Amino acid sequence: NATSGLFLMDKRLHVTYMNSAAQEIIGYGLAELRGRSLHEAVHHSRPDGTPLPLAGCRLWQAVIGNQSKLDPFEDWFIRPDGSFYPVRIAAAPIQRDGRIVSVVLEVQDITVERAVARRLRDLALSESDRAAKLRGLIESFGDPVVVTDRDGAVSLANPAAVEIFGPRLVEVGQLRERLRRED
């Protein structure tokens, strides 16, 4: 029932088992990969198309370095159709007598996560740009303009408002009181 792809590999990173989520994520069945190098099947090239030799693979480096675990990192895998997709990988070598005998690998396809993050970043930039334009427009008005939030706290006062009411505009209530006193 795991939603992450789980692989069990021998010390050469050849697949010995993978769950159904792993099969769905990488697009290969267990029968196609059993005894094959996962690296050669889904991680043999970089997104720019240049080869990624096994010696350059972080997972392989962790295995030959006999690391006790590999913290999650982001990388790219390759679908059977040759397209690349982003993944988050974590690994935990299984050791016997201080030597790695197999590796458990957890893989998550983060395509949607990346798309959502990119969309949120674009929206934030768009909102920031709109806010800057609105702020510029308000500040250019010759008449005093004070912008408040729903609680009455002043979030923006243009130079004309600051000139009339002073630089210490704090909230609408204080501004109302000051205007009443000046009437």
C-alpha atoms as a PDB file:
ATOM      1  CA  ASN A   1       0.000   0.000   0.000  1.00  0.00           C
ATOM      2  CA  ALA A   2       2.996   2.332   0.067  1.00  0.00           C
ATOM      3  CA  THR A   3       2.725   5.307  -2.271  1.00  0.00           C
ATOM      4  CA  SER A   4       6.505   5.604  -2.517  1.00  0.00           C
ATOM      5  CA  GLY A   5       8.361   3.317  -4.847  1.00  0.00           C
ATOM      6  CA  LEU A   6      10.304   0.774  -2.811  1.00  0.00           C
ATOM      7  CA  PHE A   7      13.152  -1.241  -4.301  1.00  0.00           C
ATOM      8  CA  LEU A   8      15.321  -3.933  -2.821  1.00  0.00           C
ATOM      9  CA  MET A   9      18.624  -4.238  -4.624  1.00  0.00           C
ATOM     10  CA  ASP A  10      21.749  -6.284  -4.191  1.00  0.00           C
ATOM     11  CA  LYS A  11      25.109  -4.640  -3.501  1.00  0.00           C
ATOM     12  CA  ARG A  12      25.617  -4.093  -7.256  1.00  0.00           C
ATOM     13  CA  LEU A  13      22.312  -2.140  -7.322  1.00  0.00           C
ATOM     14  CA  HIS A  14      20.582  -4.867  -9.319  1.00  0.00           C
ATOM     15  CA  VAL A  15      16.856  -5.039  -8.605  1.00  0.00           C
ATOM     16  CA  THR A  16      15.689  -8.038  -6.591  1.00  0.00           C
ATOM     17  CA  TYR A  17      12.247  -6.686  -5.609  1.00  0.00           C
ATOM     18  CA  MET A  18      10.060  -3.626  -6.202  1.00  0.00           C
ATOM     19  CA  ASN A  19       6.561  -2.795  -5.028  1.00  0.00           C
ATOM     20  CA  SER A  20       3.673  -1.831  -7.308  1.00  0.00           C
ATOM     21  CA  ALA A  21       4.218   1.903  -6.639  1.00  0.00           C
ATOM     22  CA  ALA A  22       7.822   1.544  -7.870  1.00  0.00           C
ATOM     23  CA  GLN A  23       6.594  -0.190 -11.011  1.00  0.00           C
ATOM     24  CA  GLU A  24       4.084   2.598 -11.608  1.00  0.00           C
ATOM     25  CA  ILE A  25       6.665   5.333 -11.011  1.00  0.00           C
ATOM     26  CA  ILE A  26       9.386   3.974 -13.299  1.00  0.00           C
ATOM     27  CA  GLY A  27       7.194   2.327 -15.934  1.00  0.00           C
ATOM     28  CA  TYR A  28       8.873  -1.084 -15.763  1.00  0.00           C
ATOM     29  CA  GLY A  29       7.610  -4.289 -14.198  1.00  0.00           C
ATOM     30  CA  LEU A  30       9.587  -6.421 -11.789  1.00  0.00           C
ATOM     31  CA  ALA A  31       9.983  -9.150 -14.406  1.00  0.00           C
ATOM     32  CA  GLU A  32      11.682  -6.634 -16.733  1.00  0.00           C
ATOM     33  CA  LEU A  33      14.155  -5.418 -14.101  1.00  0.00           C
ATOM     34  CA  ARG A  34      14.823  -8.373 -11.810  1.00  0.00           C
ATOM     35  CA  GLY A  35      18.573  -8.896 -11.794  1.00  0.00           C
ATOM     36  CA  ARG A  36      19.201  -5.759 -13.885  1.00  0.00           C
ATOM     37  CA  SER A  37      20.922  -2.590 -12.793  1.00  0.00           C
ATOM     38  CA  LEU A  38      18.365   0.060 -11.850  1.00  0.00           C
ATOM     39  CA  HIS A  39      20.961   2.658 -12.782  1.00  0.00           C
ATOM     40  CA  GLU A  40      21.254   1.339 -16.344  1.00  0.00           C
ATOM     41  CA  ALA A  41      17.474   1.139 -16.702  1.00  0.00           C
ATOM     42  CA  VAL A  42      16.367   4.559 -15.376  1.00  0.00           C
ATOM     43  CA  HIS A  43      19.384   6.662 -14.379  1.00  0.00           C
ATOM     44  CA  HIS A  44      22.015   6.213 -17.098  1.00  0.00           C
ATOM     45  CA  SER A  45      21.902   9.772 -18.491  1.00  0.00           C
ATOM     46  CA  ARG A  46      21.600  13.341 -17.311  1.00  0.00           C
ATOM     47  CA  PRO A  47      18.675  15.522 -18.452  1.00  0.00           C
ATOM     48  CA  ASP A  48      20.987  17.228 -20.960  1.00  0.00           C
ATOM     49  CA  GLY A  49      21.504  13.824 -22.607  1.00  0.00           C
ATOM     50  CA  THR A  50      25.094  13.256 -21.507  1.00  0.00           C
ATOM     51  CA  PRO A  51      25.849   9.828 -20.055  1.00  0.00           C
ATOM     52  CA  LEU A  52      25.854   9.411 -16.290  1.00  0.00           C
ATOM     53  CA  PRO A  53      28.361   6.668 -15.553  1.00  0.00           C
ATOM     54  CA  LEU A  54      27.717   4.458 -12.562  1.00  0.00           C
ATOM     55  CA  ALA A  55      30.735   6.028 -10.831  1.00  0.00           C
ATOM     56  CA  GLY A  56      28.935   9.425 -10.973  1.00  0.00           C
ATOM     57  CA  CYS A  57      25.724   8.099  -9.399  1.00  0.00           C
ATOM     58  CA  ARG A  58      25.190   9.307  -5.793  1.00  0.00           C
ATOM     59  CA  LEU A  59      23.527   6.049  -4.849  1.00  0.00           C
ATOM     60  CA  TRP A  60      26.449   3.998  -6.153  1.00  0.00           C
ATOM     61  CA  GLN A  61      28.913   6.295  -4.391  1.00  0.00           C
ATOM     62  CA  ALA A  62      27.026   5.711  -1.136  1.00  0.00           C
ATOM     63  CA  VAL A  63      27.193   1.947  -1.643  1.00  0.00           C
ATOM     64  CA  ILE A  64      30.893   1.801  -2.478  1.00  0.00           C
ATOM     65  CA  GLY A  65      31.582   4.289   0.323  1.00  0.00           C
ATOM     66  CA  ASN A  66      29.765   1.891   2.664  1.00  0.00           C
ATOM     67  CA  GLN A  67      27.534   4.695   4.001  1.00  0.00           C
ATOM     68  CA  SER A  68      25.026   3.682   6.646  1.00  0.00           C
ATOM     69  CA  LYS A  69      22.266   5.634   4.862  1.00  0.00           C
ATOM     70  CA  LEU A  70      21.763   8.159   2.110  1.00  0.00           C
ATOM     71  CA  ASP A  71      19.676  11.195   3.068  1.00  0.00           C
ATOM     72  CA  PRO A  72      16.896  12.120   0.626  1.00  0.00           C
ATOM     73  CA  PHE A  73      18.046  14.021  -2.441  1.00  0.00           C
ATOM     74  CA  GLU A  74      16.479  15.054  -5.729  1.00  0.00           C
ATOM     75  CA  ASP A  75      17.587  13.651  -9.048  1.00  0.00           C
ATOM     76  CA  TRP A  76      16.194  12.604 -12.429  1.00  0.00           C
ATOM     77  CA  PHE A  77      15.002   9.246 -13.734  1.00  0.00           C
ATOM     78  CA  ILE A  78      14.239   8.277 -17.312  1.00  0.00           C
ATOM     79  CA  ARG A  79      10.935   6.770 -18.445  1.00  0.00           C
ATOM     80  CA  PRO A  80      10.836   3.891 -20.926  1.00  0.00           C
ATOM     81  CA  ASP A  81       9.931   6.466 -23.632  1.00  0.00           C
ATOM     82  CA  GLY A  82      13.169   8.365 -22.902  1.00  0.00           C
ATOM     83  CA  SER A  83      11.607  11.357 -21.136  1.00  0.00           C
ATOM     84  CA  PHE A  84      13.077  12.599 -17.878  1.00  0.00           C
ATOM     85  CA  TYR A  85      11.164  13.221 -14.657  1.00  0.00           C
ATOM     86  CA  PRO A  86      12.225  14.502 -11.222  1.00  0.00           C
ATOM     87  CA  VAL A  87      12.427  12.100  -8.291  1.00  0.00           C
ATOM     88  CA  ARG A  88      13.278  12.234  -4.619  1.00  0.00           C
ATOM     89  CA  ILE A  89      15.465   9.325  -3.547  1.00  0.00           C
ATOM     90  CA  ALA A  90      16.417   7.987  -0.130  1.00  0.00           C
ATOM     91  CA  ALA A  91      18.394   4.828   0.504  1.00  0.00           C
ATOM     92  CA  ALA A  92      19.374   2.628   3.399  1.00  0.00           C
ATOM     93  CA  PRO A  93      22.007  -0.031   2.793  1.00  0.00           C
ATOM     94  CA  ILE A  94      21.524  -3.296   4.642  1.00  0.00           C
ATOM     95  CA  GLN A  95      24.786  -4.378   6.224  1.00  0.00           C
ATOM     96  CA  ARG A  96      26.082  -7.668   7.522  1.00  0.00           C
ATOM     97  CA  ASP A  97      29.374  -7.735   9.407  1.00  0.00           C
ATOM     98  CA  GLY A  98      29.977  -4.097   8.419  1.00  0.00           C
ATOM     99  CA  ARG A  99      29.604  -4.777   4.681  1.00  0.00           C
ATOM    100  CA  ILE A 100      26.699  -3.779   2.469  1.00  0.00           C
ATOM    101  CA  VAL A 101      24.798  -6.819   1.234  1.00  0.00           C
ATOM    102  CA  SER A 102      21.738  -5.067  -0.201  1.00  0.00           C
ATOM    103  CA  VAL A 103      20.079  -1.679  -0.443  1.00  0.00           C
ATOM    104  CA  VAL A 104      16.532  -0.491   0.231  1.00  0.00           C
ATOM    105  CA  LEU A 105      15.656   2.424  -2.024  1.00  0.00           C
ATOM    106  CA  GLU A 106      12.658   4.736  -1.667  1.00  0.00           C
ATOM    107  CA  VAL A 107      11.689   6.769  -4.735  1.00  0.00           C
ATOM    108  CA  GLN A 108       8.992   9.415  -5.135  1.00  0.00           C
ATOM    109  CA  ASP A 109       8.002  10.980  -8.443  1.00  0.00           C
ATOM    110  CA  ILE A 110       7.948  14.716  -7.659  1.00  0.00           C
ATOM    111  CA  THR A 111       6.716  15.947 -11.045  1.00  0.00           C
ATOM    112  CA  VAL A 112       3.443  17.296  -9.612  1.00  0.00           C
ATOM    113  CA  GLU A 113       5.178  18.719  -6.532  1.00  0.00           C
ATOM    114  CA  ARG A 114       7.610  20.622  -8.752  1.00  0.00           C
ATOM    115  CA  ALA A 115       4.799  21.901 -11.002  1.00  0.00           C
ATOM    116  CA  VAL A 116       2.817  23.144  -7.986  1.00  0.00           C
ATOM    117  CA  ALA A 117       5.896  24.840  -6.523  1.00  0.00           C
ATOM    118  CA  ARG A 118       6.632  26.498  -9.875  1.00  0.00           C
ATOM    119  CA  ARG A 119       3.003  27.682 -10.160  1.00  0.00           C
ATOM    120  CA  LEU A 120       3.027  29.057  -6.599  1.00  0.00           C
ATOM    121  CA  ARG A 121       6.308  30.851  -7.276  1.00  0.00           C
ATOM    122  CA  ASP A 122       4.855  32.348 -10.474  1.00  0.00           C
ATOM    123  CA  LEU A 123       1.709  33.447  -8.629  1.00  0.00           C
ATOM    124  CA  ALA A 124       3.755  35.016  -5.840  1.00  0.00           C
ATOM    125  CA  LEU A 125       5.846  36.923  -8.376  1.00  0.00           C
ATOM    126  CA  SER A 126       2.706  38.021 -10.196  1.00  0.00           C
ATOM    127  CA  GLU A 127       1.086  39.178  -6.935  1.00  0.00           C
ATOM    128  CA  SER A 128       4.277  40.948  -5.912  1.00  0.00           C
ATOM    129  CA  ASP A 129       4.416  42.692  -9.293  1.00  0.00           C
ATOM    130  CA  ARG A 130       0.763  43.753  -9.033  1.00  0.00           C
ATOM    131  CA  ALA A 131       1.280  45.002  -5.480  1.00  0.00           C
ATOM    132  CA  ALA A 132       4.325  47.023  -6.551  1.00  0.00           C
ATOM    133  CA  LYS A 133       2.364  48.596  -9.426  1.00  0.00           C
ATOM    134  CA  LEU A 134      -0.550  49.408  -7.132  1.00  0.00           C
ATOM    135  CA  ARG A 135       1.797  50.849  -4.499  1.00  0.00           C
ATOM    136  CA  GLY A 136       3.444  53.013  -7.174  1.00  0.00           C
ATOM    137  CA  LEU A 137       0.068  54.225  -8.408  1.00  0.00           C
ATOM    138  CA  ILE A 138      -1.166  55.064  -4.890  1.00  0.00           C
ATOM    139  CA  GLU A 139       2.073  56.819  -3.991  1.00  0.00           C
ATOM    140  CA  SER A 140       1.817  58.954  -7.137  1.00  0.00           C
ATOM    141  CA  PHE A 141      -1.597  60.396  -6.210  1.00  0.00           C
ATOM    142  CA  GLY A 142      -1.501  64.059  -5.177  1.00  0.00           C
ATOM    143  CA  ASP A 143      -4.409  63.566  -2.784  1.00  0.00           C
ATOM    144  CA  PRO A 144      -3.840  61.761   0.517  1.00  0.00           C
ATOM    145  CA  VAL A 145      -4.506  58.014   0.349  1.00  0.00           C
ATOM    146  CA  VAL A 146      -4.371  55.659   3.300  1.00  0.00           C
ATOM    147  CA  VAL A 147      -4.773  51.887   2.789  1.00  0.00           C
ATOM    148  CA  THR A 148      -5.711  49.691   5.749  1.00  0.00           C
ATOM    149  CA  ASP A 149      -6.277  46.025   6.389  1.00  0.00           C
ATOM    150  CA  ARG A 150      -9.666  44.791   7.644  1.00  0.00           C
ATOM    151  CA  ASP A 151      -8.613  45.414  11.239  1.00  0.00           C
ATOM    152  CA  GLY A 152      -7.859  49.043  10.512  1.00  0.00           C
ATOM    153  CA  ALA A 153      -4.086  48.818  10.634  1.00  0.00           C
ATOM    154  CA  VAL A 154      -2.483  51.126   8.102  1.00  0.00           C
ATOM    155  CA  SER A 155      -0.561  49.164   5.494  1.00  0.00           C
ATOM    156  CA  LEU A 156       0.201  52.046   3.135  1.00  0.00           C
ATOM    157  CA  ALA A 157       0.044  55.813   3.208  1.00  0.00           C
ATOM    158  CA  ASN A 158       1.141  57.855   0.236  1.00  0.00           C
ATOM    159  CA  PRO A 159       3.441  60.878   0.656  1.00  0.00           C
ATOM    160  CA  ALA A 160       0.463  63.291   0.566  1.00  0.00           C
ATOM    161  CA  ALA A 161      -1.166  61.449   3.502  1.00  0.00           C
ATOM    162  CA  VAL A 162       2.096  61.372   5.449  1.00  0.00           C
ATOM    163  CA  GLU A 163       2.544  65.095   4.837  1.00  0.00           C
ATOM    164  CA  ILE A 164      -0.906  65.878   6.239  1.00  0.00           C
ATOM    165  CA  PHE A 165      -1.200  63.294   9.029  1.00  0.00           C
ATOM    166  CA  GLY A 166       2.444  62.751   9.877  1.00  0.00           C
ATOM    167  CA  PRO A 167       4.662  59.699   9.530  1.00  0.00           C
ATOM    168  CA  ARG A 168       3.131  57.886  12.512  1.00  0.00           C
ATOM    169  CA  LEU A 169      -0.101  56.704  10.917  1.00  0.00           C
ATOM    170  CA  VAL A 170      -0.787  53.532  12.851  1.00  0.00           C
ATOM    171  CA  GLU A 171      -4.434  52.623  12.410  1.00  0.00           C
ATOM    172  CA  VAL A 172      -7.683  53.971  11.077  1.00  0.00           C
ATOM    173  CA  GLY A 173      -9.154  54.501  14.560  1.00  0.00           C
ATOM    174  CA  GLN A 174      -6.313  56.851  15.485  1.00  0.00           C
ATOM    175  CA  LEU A 175      -6.667  58.647  12.156  1.00  0.00           C
ATOM    176  CA  ARG A 176     -10.432  59.094  12.680  1.00  0.00           C
ATOM    177  CA  GLU A 177      -9.862  60.513  16.173  1.00  0.00           C
ATOM    178  CA  ARG A 178      -7.273  62.927  14.858  1.00  0.00           C
ATOM    179  CA  LEU A 179      -9.562  64.085  12.041  1.00  0.00           C
ATOM    180  CA  ARG A 180     -12.478  64.583  14.524  1.00  0.00           C
ATOM    181  CA  ARG A 181     -10.271  66.669  16.787  1.00  0.00           C
ATOM    182  CA  GLU A 182      -9.179  68.841  13.855  1.00  0.00           C
ATOM    183  CA  ASP A 183     -12.766  69.495  12.708  1.00  0.00           C
END
